Amino acid sequence: MRDVIVIKALQQINEQGLKFTTAGLAQKLGVSKRALYQHFNSKEDLLGAVFDSILNDLRQQISRIALDEHLDSVEKLKALMLASPKALGPLTEQVLNDVRRFMPNQWEKFEKYFEDKWEKIELVINQGVERGLFRPVNLTILQKIYMGTVEKLSDFNFLMQNNSTLRNAITETAEILIYGIMAPDCRDTHPSAQAL
């Protein structure tokens, strides 16, 4: 029952934000509020379980990608950058913003996940440099570019104004970071590209 509650709670969170009520959740589940509190001590405890489930799913994906010997460095890098929750489903951009603003203890867990993910990204980049797939770059600057971009792209209003989703925006970011903006045919022939 606990897993069912967590899944339904995520749906409520994505539909109503963090302001959803446990009474409304209990009604959707067809159980009493008391039944919810047999599994969770409070709404905050329930939210923590939802976010922990999402982060555990993401950590497992990141580990699988990093250890996958069938992927080359470019494929691994792209997969790491695009990892998103699969088991429960993703959080909306608005909810992520609300977690950042109103639940700092939970947001710290997300930040720890981002740090762990970046360590794996750096490892893949370094392997790619050793194999000649990537040119050496300042990884501290690249991290700032990537993390800063993801943070800015997570802005719900920006995504709505540009008729985009966070997944689409991060996919585009990954493409730009991995392949740049120069057309593939021009990279080998343009004098400026050869100087880089």
N, C-alpha and C. Protein backbone atom coordinates (compact mmCIF):
# COMPACT_ATOMS: atom_id res chain seq x y z
N MET A 1 0.82 -1.20 0.00
CA MET A 1 0.00 0.00 0.00
C MET A 1 0.87 1.27 0.00
N ARG A 2 1.99 1.19 0.71
CA ARG A 2 2.88 2.35 0.80
C ARG A 2 3.31 2.83 -0.59
N ASP A 3 3.69 1.88 -1.46
CA ASP A 3 4.13 2.25 -2.81
C ASP A 3 3.01 2.89 -3.61
N VAL A 4 1.79 2.38 -3.45
CA VAL A 4 0.63 2.93 -4.15
C VAL A 4 0.39 4.37 -3.69
N ILE A 5 0.52 4.60 -2.40
CA ILE A 5 0.34 5.95 -1.86
C ILE A 5 1.37 6.90 -2.45
N VAL A 6 2.63 6.45 -2.52
CA VAL A 6 3.71 7.29 -3.05
C VAL A 6 3.43 7.65 -4.51
N ILE A 7 3.02 6.68 -5.31
CA ILE A 7 2.74 6.93 -6.73
C ILE A 7 1.58 7.91 -6.89
N LYS A 8 0.51 7.69 -6.13
CA LYS A 8 -0.65 8.59 -6.23
C LYS A 8 -0.31 9.97 -5.69
N ALA A 9 0.55 10.03 -4.67
CA ALA A 9 0.97 11.33 -4.12
C ALA A 9 1.74 12.12 -5.18
N LEU A 10 2.60 11.45 -5.95
CA LEU A 10 3.33 12.15 -7.01
C LEU A 10 2.35 12.74 -8.02
N GLN A 11 1.32 11.98 -8.38
CA GLN A 11 0.32 12.51 -9.31
C GLN A 11 -0.35 13.76 -8.73
N GLN A 12 -0.69 13.70 -7.44
CA GLN A 12 -1.32 14.85 -6.79
C GLN A 12 -0.36 16.04 -6.75
N ILE A 13 0.90 15.76 -6.45
CA ILE A 13 1.91 16.83 -6.40
C ILE A 13 2.03 17.50 -7.76
N ASN A 14 2.10 16.70 -8.82
CA ASN A 14 2.23 17.28 -10.16
C ASN A 14 0.99 18.03 -10.61
N GLU A 15 -0.17 17.60 -10.14
CA GLU A 15 -1.42 18.29 -10.51
C GLU A 15 -1.65 19.55 -9.67
N GLN A 16 -1.36 19.48 -8.37
CA GLN A 16 -1.73 20.56 -7.46
C GLN A 16 -0.55 21.25 -6.80
N GLY A 17 0.65 20.79 -7.06
CA GLY A 17 1.81 21.34 -6.38
C GLY A 17 1.91 20.81 -4.96
N LEU A 18 2.75 21.44 -4.17
CA LEU A 18 2.97 20.98 -2.80
C LEU A 18 1.78 21.27 -1.90
N LYS A 19 0.81 21.99 -2.41
CA LYS A 19 -0.36 22.37 -1.60
C LYS A 19 -1.45 21.30 -1.59
N PHE A 20 -1.21 20.18 -2.26
CA PHE A 20 -2.23 19.12 -2.24
C PHE A 20 -2.51 18.73 -0.78
N THR A 21 -3.69 18.19 -0.54
CA THR A 21 -4.05 17.82 0.83
C THR A 21 -4.03 16.30 0.98
N THR A 22 -3.73 15.86 2.20
CA THR A 22 -3.77 14.42 2.46
C THR A 22 -5.21 13.92 2.40
N ALA A 23 -6.17 14.80 2.73
CA ALA A 23 -7.58 14.40 2.63
C ALA A 23 -7.95 14.12 1.17
N GLY A 24 -7.50 15.00 0.28
CA GLY A 24 -7.76 14.79 -1.15
C GLY A 24 -7.06 13.54 -1.66
N LEU A 25 -5.84 13.30 -1.20
CA LEU A 25 -5.11 12.10 -1.60
C LEU A 25 -5.82 10.85 -1.11
N ALA A 26 -6.27 10.87 0.14
CA ALA A 26 -6.99 9.72 0.69
C ALA A 26 -8.26 9.44 -0.12
N GLN A 27 -8.96 10.51 -0.49
CA GLN A 27 -10.17 10.35 -1.29
C GLN A 27 -9.85 9.71 -2.64
N LYS A 28 -8.77 10.17 -3.30
CA LYS A 28 -8.36 9.59 -4.60
C LYS A 28 -8.03 8.11 -4.46
N LEU A 29 -7.46 7.75 -3.32
CA LEU A 29 -7.08 6.36 -3.07
C LEU A 29 -8.25 5.50 -2.59
N GLY A 30 -9.34 6.18 -2.16
CA GLY A 30 -10.48 5.45 -1.63
C GLY A 30 -10.21 4.88 -0.24
N VAL A 31 -9.40 5.59 0.54
CA VAL A 31 -9.10 5.16 1.90
C VAL A 31 -9.31 6.35 2.84
N SER A 32 -9.22 6.08 4.12
CA SER A 32 -9.35 7.17 5.09
C SER A 32 -7.99 7.86 5.27
N LYS A 33 -8.05 9.09 5.79
CA LYS A 33 -6.80 9.80 6.12
C LYS A 33 -6.00 8.99 7.13
N ARG A 34 -6.71 8.35 8.02
CA ARG A 34 -6.04 7.54 9.05
C ARG A 34 -5.22 6.43 8.41
N ALA A 35 -5.72 5.86 7.32
CA ALA A 35 -4.98 4.80 6.62
C ALA A 35 -3.66 5.35 6.07
N LEU A 36 -3.68 6.60 5.60
CA LEU A 36 -2.44 7.22 5.11
C LEU A 36 -1.42 7.34 6.24
N TYR A 37 -1.93 7.76 7.40
CA TYR A 37 -1.02 8.01 8.53
C TYR A 37 -0.54 6.73 9.20
N GLN A 38 -1.05 5.59 8.76
CA GLN A 38 -0.48 4.31 9.21
C GLN A 38 0.86 4.07 8.49
N HIS A 39 1.03 4.71 7.33
CA HIS A 39 2.25 4.51 6.54
C HIS A 39 3.21 5.70 6.61
N PHE A 40 2.67 6.88 6.88
CA PHE A 40 3.48 8.10 6.92
C PHE A 40 3.08 8.94 8.13
N ASN A 41 4.06 9.47 8.82
CA ASN A 41 3.79 10.24 10.04
C ASN A 41 3.16 11.60 9.75
N SER A 42 3.46 12.15 8.57
CA SER A 42 2.98 13.50 8.24
C SER A 42 3.03 13.68 6.73
N LYS A 43 2.48 14.77 6.28
CA LYS A 43 2.54 15.10 4.86
C LYS A 43 4.00 15.29 4.44
N GLU A 44 4.79 15.93 5.30
CA GLU A 44 6.21 16.13 5.00
C GLU A 44 6.93 14.79 4.86
N ASP A 45 6.59 13.83 5.70
CA ASP A 45 7.16 12.49 5.62
C ASP A 45 6.80 11.84 4.29
N LEU A 46 5.56 12.02 3.86
CA LEU A 46 5.10 11.48 2.58
C LEU A 46 5.85 12.15 1.42
N LEU A 47 5.97 13.48 1.47
CA LEU A 47 6.72 14.18 0.42
C LEU A 47 8.16 13.67 0.36
N GLY A 48 8.77 13.47 1.53
CA GLY A 48 10.13 12.95 1.58
C GLY A 48 10.22 11.59 0.92
N ALA A 49 9.23 10.73 1.13
CA ALA A 49 9.23 9.40 0.52
C ALA A 49 9.12 9.50 -1.00
N VAL A 50 8.30 10.43 -1.49
CA VAL A 50 8.16 10.63 -2.94
C VAL A 50 9.50 11.08 -3.53
N PHE A 51 10.10 12.10 -2.93
CA PHE A 51 11.36 12.64 -3.46
C PHE A 51 12.49 11.62 -3.34
N ASP A 52 12.52 10.86 -2.23
CA ASP A 52 13.55 9.83 -2.07
C ASP A 52 13.40 8.75 -3.14
N SER A 53 12.16 8.36 -3.45
CA SER A 53 11.93 7.35 -4.50
C SER A 53 12.45 7.83 -5.85
N ILE A 54 12.17 9.10 -6.15
CA ILE A 54 12.62 9.67 -7.42
C ILE A 54 14.15 9.71 -7.47
N LEU A 55 14.77 10.16 -6.39
CA LEU A 55 16.23 10.27 -6.35
C LEU A 55 16.90 8.89 -6.39
N ASN A 56 16.31 7.89 -5.72
CA ASN A 56 16.86 6.54 -5.78
C ASN A 56 16.81 6.00 -7.20
N ASP A 57 15.70 6.24 -7.88
CA ASP A 57 15.54 5.83 -9.28
C ASP A 57 16.63 6.48 -10.13
N LEU A 58 16.83 7.78 -9.96
CA LEU A 58 17.84 8.50 -10.73
C LEU A 58 19.24 7.97 -10.44
N ARG A 59 19.55 7.73 -9.18
CA ARG A 59 20.88 7.22 -8.82
C ARG A 59 21.14 5.86 -9.46
N GLN A 60 20.13 5.00 -9.46
CA GLN A 60 20.28 3.69 -10.09
C GLN A 60 20.53 3.83 -11.59
N GLN A 61 19.79 4.72 -12.24
CA GLN A 61 20.00 4.94 -13.67
C GLN A 61 21.42 5.43 -13.96
N ILE A 62 21.86 6.41 -13.17
CA ILE A 62 23.19 6.99 -13.37
C ILE A 62 24.26 5.92 -13.21
N SER A 63 24.12 5.07 -12.21
CA SER A 63 25.10 3.99 -12.00
C SER A 63 25.09 3.03 -13.17
N ARG A 64 23.89 2.65 -13.64
CA ARG A 64 23.81 1.73 -14.79
C ARG A 64 24.45 2.34 -16.04
N ILE A 65 24.17 3.61 -16.29
CA ILE A 65 24.75 4.27 -17.46
C ILE A 65 26.27 4.30 -17.35
N ALA A 66 26.77 4.71 -16.20
CA ALA A 66 28.22 4.84 -16.01
C ALA A 66 28.94 3.50 -16.18
N LEU A 67 28.29 2.40 -15.82
CA LEU A 67 28.92 1.08 -15.91
C LEU A 67 28.65 0.36 -17.23
N ASP A 68 27.80 0.92 -18.07
CA ASP A 68 27.42 0.26 -19.32
C ASP A 68 28.57 0.26 -20.32
N GLU A 69 29.14 -0.90 -20.55
CA GLU A 69 30.30 -1.01 -21.45
C GLU A 69 29.91 -0.98 -22.93
N HIS A 70 28.61 -1.05 -23.21
CA HIS A 70 28.16 -1.00 -24.60
C HIS A 70 28.04 0.43 -25.13
N LEU A 71 28.10 1.41 -24.23
CA LEU A 71 28.00 2.81 -24.64
C LEU A 71 29.39 3.41 -24.75
N ASP A 72 29.63 4.18 -25.82
CA ASP A 72 30.90 4.91 -25.88
C ASP A 72 30.78 6.18 -25.05
N SER A 73 31.85 6.94 -24.95
CA SER A 73 31.86 8.12 -24.07
C SER A 73 30.82 9.15 -24.48
N VAL A 74 30.61 9.35 -25.78
CA VAL A 74 29.63 10.33 -26.24
C VAL A 74 28.22 9.89 -25.83
N GLU A 75 27.92 8.61 -26.06
CA GLU A 75 26.59 8.09 -25.71
C GLU A 75 26.36 8.15 -24.19
N LYS A 76 27.40 7.80 -23.42
CA LYS A 76 27.27 7.85 -21.96
C LYS A 76 27.04 9.28 -21.49
N LEU A 77 27.81 10.21 -22.03
CA LEU A 77 27.68 11.60 -21.63
C LEU A 77 26.27 12.10 -21.89
N LYS A 78 25.76 11.82 -23.06
CA LYS A 78 24.41 12.25 -23.40
C LYS A 78 23.38 11.60 -22.49
N ALA A 79 23.52 10.30 -22.25
CA ALA A 79 22.57 9.58 -21.39
C ALA A 79 22.61 10.12 -19.96
N LEU A 80 23.80 10.43 -19.46
CA LEU A 80 23.91 10.98 -18.11
C LEU A 80 23.24 12.34 -18.02
N MET A 81 23.46 13.17 -19.02
CA MET A 81 22.86 14.50 -19.00
C MET A 81 21.33 14.45 -19.10
N LEU A 82 20.80 13.42 -19.75
CA LEU A 82 19.36 13.35 -20.00
C LEU A 82 18.60 12.46 -19.03
N ALA A 83 19.29 11.86 -18.05
CA ALA A 83 18.62 10.96 -17.11
C ALA A 83 17.45 11.67 -16.44
N SER A 84 16.30 11.01 -16.42
CA SER A 84 15.12 11.57 -15.75
C SER A 84 14.37 10.43 -15.07
N PRO A 85 13.57 10.74 -14.06
CA PRO A 85 12.89 9.69 -13.30
C PRO A 85 12.01 8.82 -14.18
N LYS A 86 12.10 7.50 -13.99
CA LYS A 86 11.31 6.58 -14.79
C LYS A 86 10.32 5.80 -13.93
N ALA A 87 10.75 5.35 -12.75
CA ALA A 87 9.93 4.46 -11.93
C ALA A 87 8.61 5.11 -11.53
N LEU A 88 8.67 6.30 -10.97
CA LEU A 88 7.44 7.00 -10.56
C LEU A 88 6.98 7.99 -11.62
N GLY A 89 7.91 8.46 -12.40
CA GLY A 89 7.62 9.53 -13.35
C GLY A 89 8.28 10.81 -12.87
N PRO A 90 8.40 11.80 -13.74
CA PRO A 90 9.11 13.03 -13.39
C PRO A 90 8.27 13.97 -12.55
N LEU A 91 8.96 14.89 -11.89
CA LEU A 91 8.30 16.01 -11.22
C LEU A 91 8.15 17.13 -12.22
N THR A 92 7.10 17.92 -12.11
CA THR A 92 6.96 19.07 -12.99
C THR A 92 8.00 20.12 -12.60
N GLU A 93 8.27 21.01 -13.53
CA GLU A 93 9.23 22.08 -13.30
C GLU A 93 8.78 22.97 -12.14
N GLN A 94 7.48 23.23 -12.06
CA GLN A 94 6.95 24.07 -10.99
C GLN A 94 7.18 23.43 -9.63
N VAL A 95 6.99 22.13 -9.54
CA VAL A 95 7.21 21.44 -8.26
C VAL A 95 8.68 21.52 -7.86
N LEU A 96 9.58 21.32 -8.82
CA LEU A 96 11.01 21.43 -8.50
C LEU A 96 11.34 22.83 -7.98
N ASN A 97 10.77 23.85 -8.60
CA ASN A 97 10.96 25.21 -8.11
C ASN A 97 10.44 25.37 -6.69
N ASP A 98 9.27 24.78 -6.41
CA ASP A 98 8.69 24.89 -5.08
C ASP A 98 9.53 24.15 -4.04
N VAL A 99 10.06 22.98 -4.42
CA VAL A 99 10.92 22.24 -3.49
C VAL A 99 12.15 23.09 -3.18
N ARG A 100 12.74 23.69 -4.19
CA ARG A 100 13.92 24.54 -3.99
C ARG A 100 13.60 25.69 -3.04
N ARG A 101 12.43 26.30 -3.21
CA ARG A 101 12.08 27.50 -2.43
C ARG A 101 11.57 27.18 -1.03
N PHE A 102 10.76 26.11 -0.90
CA PHE A 102 10.04 25.90 0.35
C PHE A 102 10.50 24.70 1.17
N MET A 103 11.32 23.84 0.58
CA MET A 103 11.76 22.64 1.30
C MET A 103 13.28 22.49 1.19
N PRO A 104 14.03 23.38 1.83
CA PRO A 104 15.49 23.37 1.67
C PRO A 104 16.15 22.05 2.05
N ASN A 105 15.62 21.35 3.05
CA ASN A 105 16.23 20.06 3.43
C ASN A 105 16.08 19.03 2.33
N GLN A 106 14.92 19.01 1.69
CA GLN A 106 14.72 18.10 0.56
C GLN A 106 15.56 18.53 -0.64
N TRP A 107 15.66 19.85 -0.86
CA TRP A 107 16.43 20.34 -2.00
C TRP A 107 17.91 19.97 -1.86
N GLU A 108 18.42 19.92 -0.63
CA GLU A 108 19.81 19.50 -0.41
C GLU A 108 20.04 18.10 -0.97
N LYS A 109 19.05 17.22 -0.84
CA LYS A 109 19.18 15.86 -1.39
C LYS A 109 19.28 15.91 -2.91
N PHE A 110 18.50 16.79 -3.54
CA PHE A 110 18.59 16.93 -5.00
C PHE A 110 19.97 17.47 -5.39
N GLU A 111 20.46 18.45 -4.64
CA GLU A 111 21.78 19.01 -4.94
C GLU A 111 22.87 17.97 -4.80
N LYS A 112 22.76 17.10 -3.79
CA LYS A 112 23.73 16.01 -3.60
C LYS A 112 23.69 15.08 -4.80
N TYR A 113 22.48 14.77 -5.28
CA TYR A 113 22.34 13.94 -6.48
C TYR A 113 23.03 14.61 -7.67
N PHE A 114 22.82 15.92 -7.85
CA PHE A 114 23.44 16.63 -8.97
C PHE A 114 24.97 16.57 -8.87
N GLU A 115 25.50 16.69 -7.65
CA GLU A 115 26.95 16.60 -7.46
C GLU A 115 27.47 15.21 -7.83
N ASP A 116 26.77 14.17 -7.37
CA ASP A 116 27.17 12.79 -7.69
C ASP A 116 27.10 12.55 -9.20
N LYS A 117 26.06 13.07 -9.81
CA LYS A 117 25.89 12.92 -11.26
C LYS A 117 27.05 13.62 -11.98
N TRP A 118 27.42 14.81 -11.50
CA TRP A 118 28.50 15.54 -12.17
C TRP A 118 29.82 14.77 -12.07
N GLU A 119 30.08 14.12 -10.94
CA GLU A 119 31.30 13.33 -10.81
C GLU A 119 31.37 12.25 -11.89
N LYS A 120 30.22 11.62 -12.15
CA LYS A 120 30.18 10.58 -13.19
C LYS A 120 30.37 11.21 -14.58
N ILE A 121 29.79 12.39 -14.79
CA ILE A 121 29.96 13.09 -16.07
C ILE A 121 31.43 13.43 -16.28
N GLU A 122 32.09 13.94 -15.25
CA GLU A 122 33.52 14.27 -15.36
C GLU A 122 34.35 13.04 -15.72
N LEU A 123 34.05 11.93 -15.08
CA LEU A 123 34.77 10.69 -15.36
C LEU A 123 34.62 10.29 -16.83
N VAL A 124 33.40 10.38 -17.34
CA VAL A 124 33.14 10.03 -18.74
C VAL A 124 33.87 11.00 -19.68
N ILE A 125 33.85 12.29 -19.35
CA ILE A 125 34.55 13.27 -20.18
C ILE A 125 36.04 12.97 -20.20
N ASN A 126 36.62 12.71 -19.03
CA ASN A 126 38.05 12.39 -18.97
C ASN A 126 38.39 11.15 -19.77
N GLN A 127 37.53 10.14 -19.72
CA GLN A 127 37.74 8.94 -20.54
C GLN A 127 37.66 9.28 -22.02
N GLY A 128 36.70 10.15 -22.37
CA GLY A 128 36.56 10.57 -23.76
C GLY A 128 37.76 11.36 -24.24
N VAL A 129 38.34 12.18 -23.37
CA VAL A 129 39.55 12.93 -23.73
C VAL A 129 40.69 11.96 -23.98
N GLU A 130 40.85 10.97 -23.10
CA GLU A 130 41.92 9.97 -23.27
C GLU A 130 41.77 9.21 -24.59
N ARG A 131 40.55 8.99 -25.02
CA ARG A 131 40.30 8.24 -26.27
C ARG A 131 40.26 9.15 -27.49
N GLY A 132 40.42 10.45 -27.28
CA GLY A 132 40.43 11.38 -28.40
C GLY A 132 39.05 11.77 -28.91
N LEU A 133 37.99 11.43 -28.17
CA LEU A 133 36.63 11.78 -28.58
C LEU A 133 36.27 13.21 -28.21
N PHE A 134 36.85 13.71 -27.12
CA PHE A 134 36.60 15.08 -26.66
C PHE A 134 37.93 15.81 -26.59
N ARG A 135 37.88 17.12 -26.76
CA ARG A 135 39.08 17.92 -26.52
C ARG A 135 39.12 18.28 -25.04
N PRO A 136 40.30 18.46 -24.47
CA PRO A 136 40.35 18.85 -23.07
C PRO A 136 39.71 20.22 -22.86
N VAL A 137 38.88 20.32 -21.83
CA VAL A 137 38.24 21.60 -21.49
C VAL A 137 38.34 21.78 -19.99
N ASN A 138 38.12 23.00 -19.55
CA ASN A 138 38.08 23.31 -18.13
C ASN A 138 36.77 22.76 -17.56
N LEU A 139 36.87 21.67 -16.79
CA LEU A 139 35.67 21.00 -16.31
C LEU A 139 34.90 21.82 -15.27
N THR A 140 35.60 22.68 -14.56
CA THR A 140 34.92 23.55 -13.60
C THR A 140 34.00 24.53 -14.33
N ILE A 141 34.50 25.08 -15.43
CA ILE A 141 33.67 26.00 -16.22
C ILE A 141 32.53 25.24 -16.88
N LEU A 142 32.82 24.06 -17.41
CA LEU A 142 31.77 23.25 -18.04
C LEU A 142 30.68 22.91 -17.03
N GLN A 143 31.07 22.57 -15.80
CA GLN A 143 30.09 22.27 -14.77
C GLN A 143 29.21 23.48 -14.50
N LYS A 144 29.81 24.66 -14.38
CA LYS A 144 29.03 25.88 -14.14
C LYS A 144 28.06 26.13 -15.30
N ILE A 145 28.54 25.93 -16.51
CA ILE A 145 27.68 26.14 -17.69
C ILE A 145 26.49 25.17 -17.64
N TYR A 146 26.79 23.89 -17.41
CA TYR A 146 25.74 22.87 -17.41
C TYR A 146 24.76 23.09 -16.26
N MET A 147 25.28 23.20 -15.04
CA MET A 147 24.41 23.33 -13.88
C MET A 147 23.63 24.65 -13.92
N GLY A 148 24.31 25.73 -14.31
CA GLY A 148 23.63 27.02 -14.40
C GLY A 148 22.53 26.99 -15.45
N THR A 149 22.80 26.33 -16.56
CA THR A 149 21.81 26.23 -17.62
C THR A 149 20.60 25.42 -17.16
N VAL A 150 20.86 24.27 -16.53
CA VAL A 150 19.76 23.44 -16.05
C VAL A 150 18.91 24.21 -15.04
N GLU A 151 19.57 24.95 -14.15
CA GLU A 151 18.83 25.74 -13.16
C GLU A 151 17.96 26.79 -13.84
N LYS A 152 18.52 27.50 -14.80
CA LYS A 152 17.75 28.54 -15.51
C LYS A 152 16.62 27.92 -16.33
N LEU A 153 16.89 26.78 -16.95
CA LEU A 153 15.87 26.13 -17.77
C LEU A 153 14.73 25.57 -16.92
N SER A 154 15.00 25.32 -15.64
CA SER A 154 13.96 24.79 -14.75
C SER A 154 12.90 25.82 -14.41
N ASP A 155 13.11 27.05 -14.81
CA ASP A 155 12.15 28.12 -14.53
C ASP A 155 10.85 27.84 -15.29
N PHE A 156 9.79 27.60 -14.54
CA PHE A 156 8.50 27.23 -15.11
C PHE A 156 8.01 28.27 -16.12
N ASN A 157 8.16 29.55 -15.76
CA ASN A 157 7.68 30.62 -16.65
C ASN A 157 8.44 30.63 -17.97
N PHE A 158 9.77 30.43 -17.91
CA PHE A 158 10.57 30.39 -19.14
C PHE A 158 10.08 29.26 -20.05
N LEU A 159 9.86 28.08 -19.46
CA LEU A 159 9.42 26.93 -20.26
C LEU A 159 8.05 27.18 -20.87
N MET A 160 7.14 27.79 -20.10
CA MET A 160 5.81 28.07 -20.62
C MET A 160 5.87 29.09 -21.76
N GLN A 161 6.68 30.14 -21.58
CA GLN A 161 6.80 31.17 -22.61
C GLN A 161 7.40 30.62 -23.90
N ASN A 162 8.26 29.62 -23.77
CA ASN A 162 8.92 29.05 -24.94
C ASN A 162 8.31 27.74 -25.40
N ASN A 163 7.12 27.42 -24.84
CA ASN A 163 6.39 26.22 -25.23
C ASN A 163 7.31 24.99 -25.24
N SER A 164 8.02 24.79 -24.13
CA SER A 164 8.97 23.70 -24.04
C SER A 164 8.78 22.94 -22.74
N THR A 165 9.43 21.80 -22.65
CA THR A 165 9.48 21.04 -21.40
C THR A 165 10.92 21.05 -20.92
N LEU A 166 11.10 20.75 -19.65
CA LEU A 166 12.47 20.69 -19.12
C LEU A 166 13.27 19.63 -19.86
N ARG A 167 12.67 18.50 -20.13
CA ARG A 167 13.38 17.42 -20.84
C ARG A 167 13.85 17.90 -22.21
N ASN A 168 12.98 18.57 -22.98
CA ASN A 168 13.37 19.07 -24.30
C ASN A 168 14.48 20.11 -24.19
N ALA A 169 14.36 20.99 -23.20
CA ALA A 169 15.37 22.04 -23.04
C ALA A 169 16.72 21.44 -22.66
N ILE A 170 16.72 20.43 -21.78
CA ILE A 170 17.99 19.80 -21.39
C ILE A 170 18.56 18.98 -22.54
N THR A 171 17.69 18.37 -23.34
CA THR A 171 18.17 17.64 -24.52
C THR A 171 18.91 18.59 -25.47
N GLU A 172 18.32 19.75 -25.71
CA GLU A 172 18.96 20.75 -26.57
C GLU A 172 20.29 21.23 -25.96
N THR A 173 20.30 21.44 -24.64
CA THR A 173 21.52 21.85 -23.96
C THR A 173 22.62 20.80 -24.13
N ALA A 174 22.26 19.53 -23.93
CA ALA A 174 23.24 18.44 -24.08
C ALA A 174 23.79 18.42 -25.50
N GLU A 175 22.92 18.57 -26.48
CA GLU A 175 23.37 18.59 -27.88
C GLU A 175 24.37 19.72 -28.12
N ILE A 176 24.06 20.90 -27.61
CA ILE A 176 24.96 22.05 -27.80
C ILE A 176 26.28 21.83 -27.09
N LEU A 177 26.23 21.34 -25.85
CA LEU A 177 27.47 21.12 -25.10
C LEU A 177 28.34 20.04 -25.72
N ILE A 178 27.72 18.99 -26.22
CA ILE A 178 28.50 17.88 -26.78
C ILE A 178 28.98 18.19 -28.19
N TYR A 179 28.12 18.75 -29.02
CA TYR A 179 28.46 18.94 -30.43
C TYR A 179 28.76 20.38 -30.82
N GLY A 180 28.49 21.35 -29.92
CA GLY A 180 28.72 22.75 -30.26
C GLY A 180 27.66 23.26 -31.21
N ILE A 181 27.90 24.46 -31.76
CA ILE A 181 26.91 25.03 -32.69
C ILE A 181 27.41 25.01 -34.13
N MET A 182 28.66 24.65 -34.34
CA MET A 182 29.19 24.61 -35.69
C MET A 182 28.70 23.36 -36.41
N ALA A 183 28.30 23.51 -37.66
CA ALA A 183 27.84 22.38 -38.45
C ALA A 183 28.96 21.35 -38.58
N PRO A 184 28.63 20.04 -38.50
CA PRO A 184 29.66 19.00 -38.55
C PRO A 184 30.58 19.13 -39.76
N ASP A 185 30.04 19.46 -40.92
CA ASP A 185 30.87 19.57 -42.12
C ASP A 185 31.88 20.71 -42.02
N CYS A 186 31.57 21.73 -41.26
CA CYS A 186 32.45 22.90 -41.15
C CYS A 186 33.55 22.72 -40.12
N ARG A 187 33.34 21.85 -39.17
CA ARG A 187 34.31 21.70 -38.07
C ARG A 187 35.70 21.35 -38.59
N ASP A 188 35.78 20.45 -39.56
CA ASP A 188 37.07 20.00 -40.06
C ASP A 188 37.72 20.97 -41.04
N THR A 189 36.92 21.83 -41.64
CA THR A 189 37.46 22.67 -42.70
C THR A 189 37.61 24.15 -42.34
N HIS A 190 36.84 24.62 -41.36
CA HIS A 190 36.90 26.06 -41.04
C HIS A 190 38.15 26.39 -40.24
N PRO A 191 38.93 27.42 -40.66
CA PRO A 191 40.18 27.74 -39.99
C PRO A 191 40.02 28.07 -38.49
N SER A 192 38.92 28.74 -38.12
CA SER A 192 38.72 29.09 -36.71
C SER A 192 38.53 27.85 -35.86
N ALA A 193 37.84 26.83 -36.39
CA ALA A 193 37.59 25.61 -35.64
C ALA A 193 38.89 24.86 -35.40
N GLN A 194 39.79 24.92 -36.37
CA GLN A 194 41.06 24.21 -36.22
C GLN A 194 41.93 24.86 -35.17
N ALA A 195 41.71 26.14 -34.90
CA ALA A 195 42.50 26.83 -33.90
C ALA A 195 42.04 26.53 -32.48
N LEU A 196 40.82 25.97 -32.32
CA LEU A 196 40.28 25.69 -30.99
C LEU A 196 40.93 24.48 -30.36
